[in-house]
Protein backbone atom coordinates (compact mmCIF):
# COMPACT_ATOMS: atom_id res chain seq x y z
CA MET A 1 10.66 58.02 -12.55
CA ILE A 2 9.00 55.58 -10.07
CA ASP A 3 11.63 54.02 -7.51
CA THR A 4 10.92 50.54 -7.54
CA THR A 5 13.52 49.91 -4.86
CA VAL A 6 11.80 51.88 -1.98
CA ILE A 7 8.51 50.21 -3.13
CA ARG A 8 9.93 46.68 -2.92
CA GLN A 9 11.67 47.58 0.34
CA ARG A 10 8.57 48.82 2.19
CA PHE A 11 6.61 45.70 0.52
CA GLU A 12 8.93 43.44 2.12
CA ALA A 13 8.85 44.62 5.26
CA VAL A 14 5.22 43.94 5.59
CA ALA A 15 4.56 40.94 3.44
CA PRO A 16 5.35 38.49 5.77
CA PHE A 17 2.48 39.33 8.20
CA LEU A 18 -0.32 39.90 5.27
CA ASP A 19 -2.90 37.02 4.00
CA GLU A 20 -3.61 37.32 0.42
CA ARG A 21 -6.15 39.71 0.50
CA GLY A 22 -3.60 42.04 2.56
CA ARG A 23 -1.00 41.85 0.17
CA ARG A 24 -3.46 42.66 -2.92
CA LEU A 25 -4.42 45.59 -1.07
CA VAL A 26 -0.95 46.99 -0.10
CA ALA A 27 0.21 46.53 -3.84
CA ALA A 28 -2.94 48.31 -4.52
CA SER A 29 -2.01 51.27 -2.36
CA GLU A 30 1.31 51.82 -3.39
CA ALA A 31 0.11 51.62 -7.12
CA VAL A 32 -2.14 54.45 -6.60
CA ALA A 33 0.33 56.54 -4.58
CA ALA A 34 2.79 56.04 -7.49
CA GLY A 35 0.32 57.40 -9.84
CA HIS A 36 0.47 57.05 -13.69
CA GLY A 37 2.58 54.05 -14.31
CA GLY A 38 1.92 52.57 -10.74
CA ILE A 39 0.76 49.27 -11.65
CA ALA A 40 3.48 48.32 -13.88
CA ALA A 41 6.19 49.59 -11.20
CA VAL A 42 4.41 47.93 -8.24
CA ALA A 43 4.18 44.61 -10.39
CA ALA A 44 7.82 44.54 -10.78
CA ALA A 45 8.94 45.21 -7.49
CA THR A 46 6.69 43.11 -5.69
CA GLY A 47 6.29 40.01 -8.26
CA ILE A 48 2.15 40.46 -8.11
CA ALA A 49 0.31 39.87 -11.36
CA ARG A 50 -0.99 43.26 -12.80
CA ALA A 51 -4.80 41.82 -12.97
CA THR A 52 -4.39 41.10 -9.04
CA ILE A 53 -3.29 45.00 -8.56
CA GLY A 54 -6.05 46.07 -10.06
CA ARG A 55 -8.40 44.07 -8.05
CA GLY A 56 -7.15 45.45 -5.65
CA ILE A 57 -7.58 49.23 -6.45
CA ALA A 58 -11.39 48.24 -7.60
CA GLU A 59 -11.65 46.84 -3.86
CA LEU A 60 -10.27 49.98 -2.50
CA SER A 61 -12.59 52.26 -4.71
CA LEU A 62 -15.67 50.19 -3.35
CA ARG A 63 -14.14 50.66 0.21
CA GLU A 64 -14.10 54.47 -0.41
CA ASN A 65 -17.59 54.36 -2.02
CA ARG A 66 -19.38 52.90 0.72
CA LEU A 67 -17.31 54.75 3.85
CA ASN A 68 -18.64 57.93 1.76
CA GLU A 69 -22.33 56.35 1.50
CA ASP A 70 -22.26 55.80 5.48
CA VAL A 71 -21.38 59.22 6.04
CA GLN A 72 -24.39 60.78 4.02
CA CYS A 73 -26.65 57.70 5.29
CA PRO A 74 -25.07 56.04 8.53
CA ASN A 75 -25.66 51.82 8.52
CA HIS A 76 -27.41 52.33 5.24
CA GLY A 77 -29.53 49.34 6.23
CA ARG A 78 -26.30 47.16 7.01
CA LYS A 79 -25.47 45.81 10.39
CA PRO A 80 -22.30 46.88 12.41
CA THR A 81 -19.54 44.13 13.17
CA ILE A 82 -18.77 44.21 16.91
CA GLY A 83 -14.87 44.41 16.75
CA VAL A 84 -12.29 44.64 19.63
CA GLY A 85 -12.89 46.92 22.29
CA GLY A 86 -16.69 47.61 21.31
CA ASP A 87 -15.70 49.17 17.85
CA THR A 88 -18.04 48.84 15.02
CA ARG A 89 -16.62 48.16 11.58
CA GLN A 90 -17.66 46.13 8.31
CA THR A 91 -15.77 43.03 7.60
CA TYR A 92 -14.78 41.13 4.46
CA ARG A 93 -13.80 37.90 3.24
CA ILE A 94 -10.14 37.38 1.95
CA ARG A 95 -12.10 35.70 -1.32
CA ARG A 96 -15.41 35.79 -2.37
CA ALA A 97 -17.95 33.07 -0.70
CA GLY A 98 -17.70 29.84 -2.43
CA GLY A 99 -14.40 31.14 -4.49
CA GLY A 100 -12.47 28.53 -5.84
CA ARG A 101 -12.67 25.01 -7.49
CA LYS A 102 -14.20 22.21 -5.32
CA LEU A 103 -11.93 19.58 -4.20
CA THR A 104 -11.75 16.36 -6.33
CA GLU A 105 -13.40 14.28 -3.29
CA GLU A 106 -16.40 17.02 -3.45
CA LYS A 107 -17.04 16.75 -6.97
CA TYR A 108 -16.32 13.16 -7.34
CA PRO A 109 -17.43 11.40 -3.87
CA LYS A 110 -16.52 8.00 -5.29
CA ILE A 111 -13.15 8.78 -6.21
CA LEU A 112 -11.12 7.18 -3.19
CA PRO A 113 -12.82 3.88 -3.40
CA ALA A 114 -12.36 3.78 -6.97
CA LEU A 115 -8.59 4.61 -7.05
CA GLU A 116 -8.16 2.17 -3.94
CA ARG A 117 -9.93 -0.53 -5.76
CA MET A 118 -7.74 -0.01 -8.76
CA LEU A 119 -4.62 -0.24 -6.53
CA GLU A 120 -5.66 -3.79 -4.68
CA ASP A 121 -3.71 -5.38 -7.48
CA GLU A 122 -1.29 -2.79 -7.61
CA VAL A 123 0.02 -2.51 -4.27
CA ALA A 124 3.65 -4.00 -2.82
CA GLY A 125 5.36 -3.89 0.46
CA ASP A 126 8.45 -4.59 2.30
CA PRO A 127 7.51 -7.62 4.82
CA MET A 128 10.04 -6.32 7.27
CA THR A 129 8.40 -2.85 7.65
CA GLU A 130 4.90 -1.10 6.95
CA GLN A 131 6.42 0.52 3.70
CA LYS A 132 4.20 -0.03 0.71
CA TRP A 133 4.39 1.15 -3.06
CA ILE A 134 2.43 1.06 -6.55
CA ARG A 135 3.65 0.00 -9.97
CA SER A 136 1.68 2.42 -11.91
CA SER A 137 2.87 5.88 -12.06
CA THR A 138 0.14 9.12 -11.52
CA THR A 139 -0.20 9.54 -15.03
CA ARG A 140 -0.98 6.07 -15.65
CA LEU A 141 -3.29 6.15 -12.94
CA SER A 142 -5.32 9.28 -13.93
CA GLU A 143 -6.11 7.62 -17.42
CA ARG A 144 -7.21 4.73 -16.33
CA LEU A 145 -9.38 6.95 -13.74
CA THR A 146 -10.49 9.23 -16.60
CA ASP A 147 -11.61 6.13 -18.53
CA GLU A 148 -13.80 5.37 -15.76
CA GLY A 149 -15.34 8.76 -15.80
CA TYR A 150 -13.05 10.83 -13.16
CA HIS A 151 -11.33 13.53 -14.72
CA VAL A 152 -8.37 14.56 -12.62
CA SER A 153 -4.90 14.98 -13.44
CA PRO A 154 -1.61 13.65 -12.30
CA ASP A 155 -0.88 16.34 -9.38
CA THR A 156 -4.83 15.35 -8.09
CA ILE A 157 -3.77 11.90 -7.97
CA ALA A 158 -0.43 12.32 -6.24
CA ARG A 159 -2.37 14.38 -3.59
CA LEU A 160 -4.90 11.47 -3.21
CA LEU A 161 -2.11 8.90 -2.81
CA LYS A 162 -0.94 10.96 -0.15
CA SER A 163 -3.95 11.24 1.84
CA ILE A 164 -4.22 7.50 1.86
CA GLY A 165 -0.57 6.86 3.15
CA PHE A 166 1.50 6.56 -0.14
CA SER A 167 4.54 9.21 -1.03
CA LEU A 168 7.04 9.40 -3.54
CA LYS A 169 10.32 7.95 -2.87
CA ALA A 170 13.37 7.67 -4.86
CA ASN A 171 15.13 4.37 -6.00
CA GLN A 172 17.15 2.90 -3.15
CA ARG A 173 19.86 0.11 -4.06
CA LYS A 174 19.31 -2.77 -2.14
CA GLN A 175 20.48 -5.82 -4.23
CA GLY A 176 21.55 -6.19 -7.83
CA ARG A 177 19.47 -7.90 -10.42
CA SER A 178 19.78 -7.87 -14.20
CA GLY A 179 17.22 -8.23 -16.85
CA CYS A 180 13.49 -7.64 -16.68
CA CYS A 181 10.64 -9.96 -17.31
CA PRO A 182 8.87 -9.06 -20.56
CA GLU A 183 5.40 -10.98 -19.00
CA ARG A 184 5.43 -9.81 -15.75
CA ASP A 185 1.96 -6.73 -16.48
CA GLU A 186 0.56 -9.84 -18.25
CA GLN A 187 0.85 -12.17 -15.22
CA PHE A 188 -0.17 -9.33 -12.99
CA LYS A 189 -3.39 -9.03 -14.79
CA TYR A 190 -4.17 -12.41 -15.19
CA ILE A 191 -3.81 -13.23 -11.49
CA ALA A 192 -6.35 -10.27 -10.76
CA SER A 193 -8.62 -12.02 -13.21
CA GLN A 194 -8.17 -15.44 -11.22
CA LYS A 195 -8.74 -13.90 -8.14
CA GLN A 196 -11.83 -12.22 -9.34
CA GLU A 197 -13.26 -15.58 -10.72
CA PHE A 198 -12.57 -17.48 -7.47
CA ILE A 199 -14.24 -14.71 -5.48
CA THR A 200 -17.30 -14.68 -7.55
CA ALA A 201 -17.45 -18.25 -7.15
CA GLY A 202 -17.05 -18.21 -3.55
CA LEU A 203 -14.00 -20.68 -3.72
CA PRO A 204 -10.91 -19.63 -1.21
CA ILE A 205 -7.88 -18.10 -2.40
CA ILE A 206 -4.83 -18.24 -0.03
CA SER A 207 -1.27 -16.54 -0.47
CA ILE A 208 1.65 -18.69 0.78
CA ASP A 209 5.41 -18.21 1.45
CA THR A 210 8.10 -19.06 3.57
CA LYS A 211 9.10 -16.60 6.23
CA LYS A 212 12.96 -15.43 6.91
CA LYS A 213 14.30 -18.29 9.15
CA GLU A 214 14.53 -17.27 12.77
CA LEU A 215 17.05 -18.21 15.77
CA ILE A 216 15.69 -19.56 18.90
CA GLY A 217 17.78 -18.12 21.73
CA ASP A 218 19.22 -14.87 22.99
CA PHE A 219 20.10 -13.18 19.88
CA LYS A 220 19.10 -9.66 18.99
CA ASN A 221 15.98 -8.75 17.12
CA LYS A 222 15.73 -5.58 14.83
CA GLY A 223 13.48 -2.67 16.24
CA LYS A 224 13.06 -0.72 19.94
CA THR A 225 10.80 -1.22 22.62
CA TRP A 226 9.90 0.74 25.65
CA ARG A 227 11.46 -0.49 28.61
CA ARG A 228 13.80 0.99 31.44
CA GLN A 229 16.64 -0.91 30.46
CA ALA A 230 17.66 -2.85 27.08
CA GLU A 231 17.78 -6.86 27.21
CA GLU A 232 20.71 -8.52 27.11
CA VAL A 233 21.31 -10.58 23.79
CA ASN A 234 24.45 -12.45 22.70
CA GLU A 235 27.16 -10.28 21.18
CA HIS A 236 27.35 -12.54 17.88
CA ASP A 237 24.35 -14.60 16.29
CA PHE A 238 26.08 -17.74 15.43
CA PRO A 239 23.75 -20.40 14.51
CA GLY A 240 25.26 -23.18 16.33
CA ALA A 241 24.52 -21.34 19.88
CA ALA A 242 20.76 -21.06 18.93
CA LYS A 243 18.45 -23.70 20.67
CA CYS A 244 16.84 -24.43 17.25
CA GLN A 245 15.85 -22.61 13.68
CA ALA A 246 12.36 -21.99 13.26
CA VAL A 247 10.87 -22.00 9.67
CA PRO A 248 7.79 -19.89 9.71
CA PHE A 249 5.47 -20.80 7.06
CA GLY A 250 2.67 -18.50 6.23
CA ILE A 251 -0.76 -19.08 4.84
CA TYR A 252 -3.06 -15.89 4.26
CA ASP A 253 -7.02 -16.08 3.33
CA THR A 254 -7.18 -12.98 1.05
CA VAL A 255 -10.82 -13.18 1.27
CA ARG A 256 -11.46 -13.57 4.99
CA ASN A 257 -8.63 -11.55 6.12
CA GLN A 258 -7.07 -14.52 8.41
CA GLY A 259 -3.71 -15.87 8.67
CA TYR A 260 -1.94 -19.04 9.70
CA VAL A 261 1.65 -19.40 10.61
CA TYR A 262 2.85 -23.20 10.73
CA VAL A 263 6.53 -23.03 12.17
CA GLY A 264 8.46 -26.05 11.13
CA LEU A 265 11.89 -27.12 12.82
CA SER A 266 13.76 -28.65 10.05
CA ASN A 267 13.99 -27.88 6.65
CA ASN A 268 12.37 -25.32 4.27
CA THR A 269 11.15 -27.99 1.57
CA PRO A 270 8.34 -28.71 -0.87
CA GLN A 271 7.01 -31.15 1.40
CA PHE A 272 6.64 -29.13 4.50
CA ALA A 273 4.81 -26.23 2.48
CA VAL A 274 2.26 -28.57 0.71
CA GLN A 275 2.01 -30.41 4.27
CA SER A 276 1.09 -26.90 5.74
CA ILE A 277 -1.47 -26.10 3.13
CA ALA A 278 -3.25 -29.88 3.83
CA ARG A 279 -3.08 -29.26 7.36
CA TRP A 280 -4.65 -25.88 7.02
CA TRP A 281 -7.30 -27.32 4.57
CA ALA A 282 -7.95 -30.16 7.29
CA ASP A 283 -8.41 -27.97 10.40
CA GLU A 284 -9.52 -24.67 8.94
CA GLY A 285 -10.25 -24.12 5.14
CA ARG A 286 -12.95 -27.03 4.61
CA CYS A 287 -15.04 -25.50 7.63
CA LYS A 288 -14.87 -22.41 6.53
CA TYR A 289 -15.47 -23.11 2.76
CA PRO A 290 -17.60 -26.11 2.99
CA SER A 291 -19.02 -26.47 -0.40
CA ALA A 292 -15.73 -25.37 -1.89
CA ASN A 293 -13.94 -28.40 -4.28
CA ALA A 294 -11.47 -26.09 -5.82
CA LEU A 295 -8.42 -23.66 -4.49
CA LEU A 296 -6.28 -20.84 -5.56
CA ILE A 297 -2.88 -20.56 -4.79
CA LEU A 298 -0.57 -17.36 -4.74
CA ALA A 299 2.84 -18.20 -4.43
CA ASP A 300 6.26 -16.85 -5.66
CA SER A 301 8.49 -18.13 -8.44
CA GLY A 302 11.25 -19.55 -6.21
CA GLY A 303 11.90 -21.45 -3.02
CA SER A 304 10.24 -24.24 -1.81
CA ASN A 305 6.86 -23.37 -3.67
CA GLY A 306 8.57 -22.26 -6.72
CA CYS A 307 7.21 -22.54 -9.91
CA ARG A 308 10.08 -24.80 -11.63
CA ALA A 309 10.03 -27.43 -8.56
CA ARG A 310 8.89 -30.83 -9.33
CA ALA A 311 8.57 -31.90 -5.63
CA TRP A 312 6.57 -29.26 -5.16
CA LYS A 313 3.65 -30.23 -7.85
CA LEU A 314 3.78 -33.69 -7.12
CA SER A 315 3.32 -33.07 -3.53
CA LEU A 316 0.40 -30.98 -4.51
CA GLN A 317 -0.91 -33.83 -6.34
CA GLU A 318 -0.74 -36.40 -3.62
CA LYS A 319 -1.80 -34.50 -0.48
CA LEU A 320 -3.94 -31.88 -1.62
CA CYS A 321 -5.99 -33.20 -4.86
CA ASP A 322 -5.60 -36.71 -4.27
CA GLU A 323 -6.17 -37.04 -0.86
CA CYS A 324 -8.60 -34.15 -0.23
CA ALA A 325 -10.38 -34.04 -3.59
CA LEU A 326 -9.60 -30.73 -4.48
CA THR A 327 -8.80 -28.86 -7.84
CA VAL A 328 -5.73 -26.84 -7.02
CA THR A 329 -5.13 -23.85 -9.67
CA VAL A 330 -1.52 -22.00 -8.77
CA CYS A 331 -0.49 -18.67 -9.88
CA HIS A 332 3.26 -17.77 -9.40
CA TYR A 333 4.28 -14.14 -9.22
CA PRO A 334 7.04 -13.29 -12.00
CA THR A 335 10.41 -13.05 -10.71
CA GLY A 336 11.82 -10.49 -8.73
CA CYS A 337 7.71 -9.50 -7.76
CA SER A 338 7.65 -11.35 -4.65
CA LYS A 339 6.65 -8.11 -2.73
CA TRP A 340 3.60 -8.21 -4.43
CA ASN A 341 2.35 -11.36 -2.99
CA PRO A 342 -0.12 -10.29 -0.39
CA VAL A 343 1.21 -12.65 2.40
CA GLU A 344 4.27 -10.29 2.40
CA HIS A 345 2.74 -7.15 3.15
CA ARG A 346 -0.82 -8.27 4.88
CA LEU A 347 0.60 -10.89 7.31
CA PHE A 348 4.64 -11.12 7.65
CA SER A 349 5.05 -7.40 7.88
CA PHE A 350 2.50 -7.25 10.99
CA VAL A 351 4.02 -10.54 12.52
CA SER A 352 7.36 -8.82 12.47
CA LYS A 353 6.38 -5.54 13.89
CA ASN A 354 4.82 -7.21 16.57
CA TRP A 355 7.96 -8.90 17.72
CA GLU A 356 10.29 -6.22 16.81
CA GLY A 357 13.10 -5.53 19.28
CA LYS A 358 12.11 -8.59 21.27
CA PRO A 359 14.38 -11.72 21.53
CA LEU A 360 12.86 -14.67 20.24
CA ARG A 361 14.16 -16.54 23.29
CA THR A 362 11.83 -19.60 23.14
CA LEU A 363 9.42 -21.32 20.54
CA GLU A 364 6.54 -20.55 23.02
CA ILE A 365 7.35 -16.96 22.70
CA MET A 366 7.69 -16.83 19.20
CA LEU A 367 4.28 -18.51 18.70
CA GLY A 368 3.14 -16.45 21.21
CA TYR A 369 4.10 -13.19 19.32
CA ILE A 370 2.25 -14.37 15.93
CA ARG A 371 -0.87 -15.38 17.72
CA GLY A 372 -1.04 -12.03 19.30
CA THR A 373 -0.78 -10.22 15.98
CA ARG A 374 -3.71 -8.05 15.55
CA THR A 375 -4.32 -5.07 13.07
CA VAL A 376 -7.45 -2.53 13.22
CA THR A 377 -8.41 -3.46 9.45
CA GLY A 378 -9.54 -7.04 11.52
CA LEU A 379 -6.52 -9.54 10.66
CA SER A 380 -6.16 -12.41 13.10
CA VAL A 381 -3.16 -14.85 13.13
CA LYS A 382 -3.34 -18.51 14.25
CA ALA A 383 -0.25 -20.48 14.64
CA PHE A 384 0.97 -23.80 14.91
CA LEU A 385 4.46 -26.01 15.42
CA ASP A 386 5.38 -28.49 12.79
CA GLU A 387 7.60 -30.81 14.49
CA ASN A 388 8.23 -33.34 11.76
CA PHE A 389 11.26 -33.78 9.56
CA TYR A 390 11.67 -32.93 6.10
CA SER A 391 14.51 -33.87 4.35
CA ARG A 392 16.13 -32.17 1.25
CA GLY A 393 16.82 -33.18 -2.21
CA ARG A 394 13.79 -35.35 -3.00
CA ARG A 395 14.00 -36.86 -6.35
CA VAL A 396 11.09 -36.58 -8.46
CA ALA A 397 11.54 -39.15 -11.48
CA SER A 398 10.06 -37.96 -15.06
CA ASP A 399 7.33 -40.71 -14.57
CA ASP A 400 6.10 -38.99 -11.53
CA ILE A 401 5.81 -35.79 -13.68
CA ASP A 402 3.64 -37.50 -16.59
CA GLY A 403 1.50 -39.03 -14.12
CA LEU A 404 0.24 -35.53 -12.87
CA LYS A 405 -3.15 -34.77 -13.82
CA MET A 406 -1.93 -31.44 -14.40
CA ARG A 407 -3.48 -28.78 -16.86
CA VAL A 408 -1.16 -25.58 -18.06
CA HIS A 409 -2.88 -22.56 -18.72
CA ASN A 410 -2.67 -20.46 -22.00
CA VAL A 411 -1.72 -17.41 -20.37
CA CYS A 412 1.76 -17.68 -18.83
CA PRO A 413 2.19 -21.39 -18.92
CA LYS A 414 5.21 -21.42 -17.02
CA TRP A 415 3.52 -19.54 -14.22
CA ASN A 416 -0.15 -20.72 -14.36
CA TYR A 417 -1.30 -24.40 -13.95
CA THR A 418 -4.17 -26.52 -12.70
CA LEU A 419 -3.78 -29.69 -10.84
CA HIS A 420 -6.74 -32.01 -10.49
CA PRO A 421 -7.87 -35.32 -8.44
CA ARG A 422 -6.61 -38.49 -10.10
CA LYS A 423 -8.38 -41.84 -9.76
CA THR A 424 -5.90 -44.85 -8.21
CA GLY A 425 -3.95 -46.04 -11.22
CA SER A 426 -4.14 -43.29 -13.49
CA LYS A 427 -1.16 -42.84 -15.62
CA GLY A 428 -1.66 -39.29 -15.96
CA TRP A 429 -3.84 -36.42 -18.02
CA ARG A 430 -2.86 -33.37 -20.00
């Protein structure tokens, strides 16, 4: 009876120093030495498949036959390989030339661009970090790519995602939210279709939001910087000790990859948001899009530019539609999905990264950090100061809403609507 314990001990002693071919040949040598039943015994002792041991035995037999041929007919037309110390010996591959399947990237050279294009409207990110994630599972992405002619498995999708910077992460509890929006996926698809329509027509698309308020003064800013000594800041972040409180409102041009930040000093109101957009259009938008008569705005569902804010819609009508003669289409991201708003992970995240660990002691320093934000993909950012005062609690009467020249869309009407320019004295339009 063959002692598998001894075989296992001998194999485990040398296995860490062997490659794939070496382990196969050592196992085959043990099987040959064991005699009848050697393949089964070695397979049980080492865990190597019987078929693999059989291939190893065949390789040993082939090697022995070649050595016998060399004894009878030296070199036999083969050129020897110069080894260490001038020895001549024949070298062999671990695997046959061309063995194994081709990588998916070689089989489908266009699969990475196709995957990135598919993820364009699926990516979300944290504006305070560079972390990004996607909504669809690898199985779903595999199905969608298969529909486009790329036959790949979910495991391959996971490997491709890792190659472009994604990784699998578990849920991390940050804040409690109850309920789920049943129209979320439908709204995401509609936003993607609206973006494509405006891009095809050569019309501007902007993503907007208000960044976290910043205290200006000697206050701690998260992050670290390289320096000999740490900068000293106040022990507590009391708002009363601040020189002022800055309210950065961001506008991200998704077509041109350009950002604009308007820093207010009063309140985050719909009037401040619309005034920032109107200022952007007057200074930048109409120059870069001279023939445009329509604008697509991507916004969150809440805040100063929320879908239920009456003052937001009235200000858009008065400042953008009527005064600038623009047709404005607004698409809001569903509740709880603000991280998918491009301004978050394509503008605010890089601004936060640029000033992390550096106290915002003055407004000039803050504006300088914003203007100094750059990325390898070509993002450039401009910053402006808005010293106007915007009061809270503007009341909008029902008659003012009835006077809007607004058309709600058939798809998710609470999140999608278009405002048209109206003539003076108009009583409204639906």
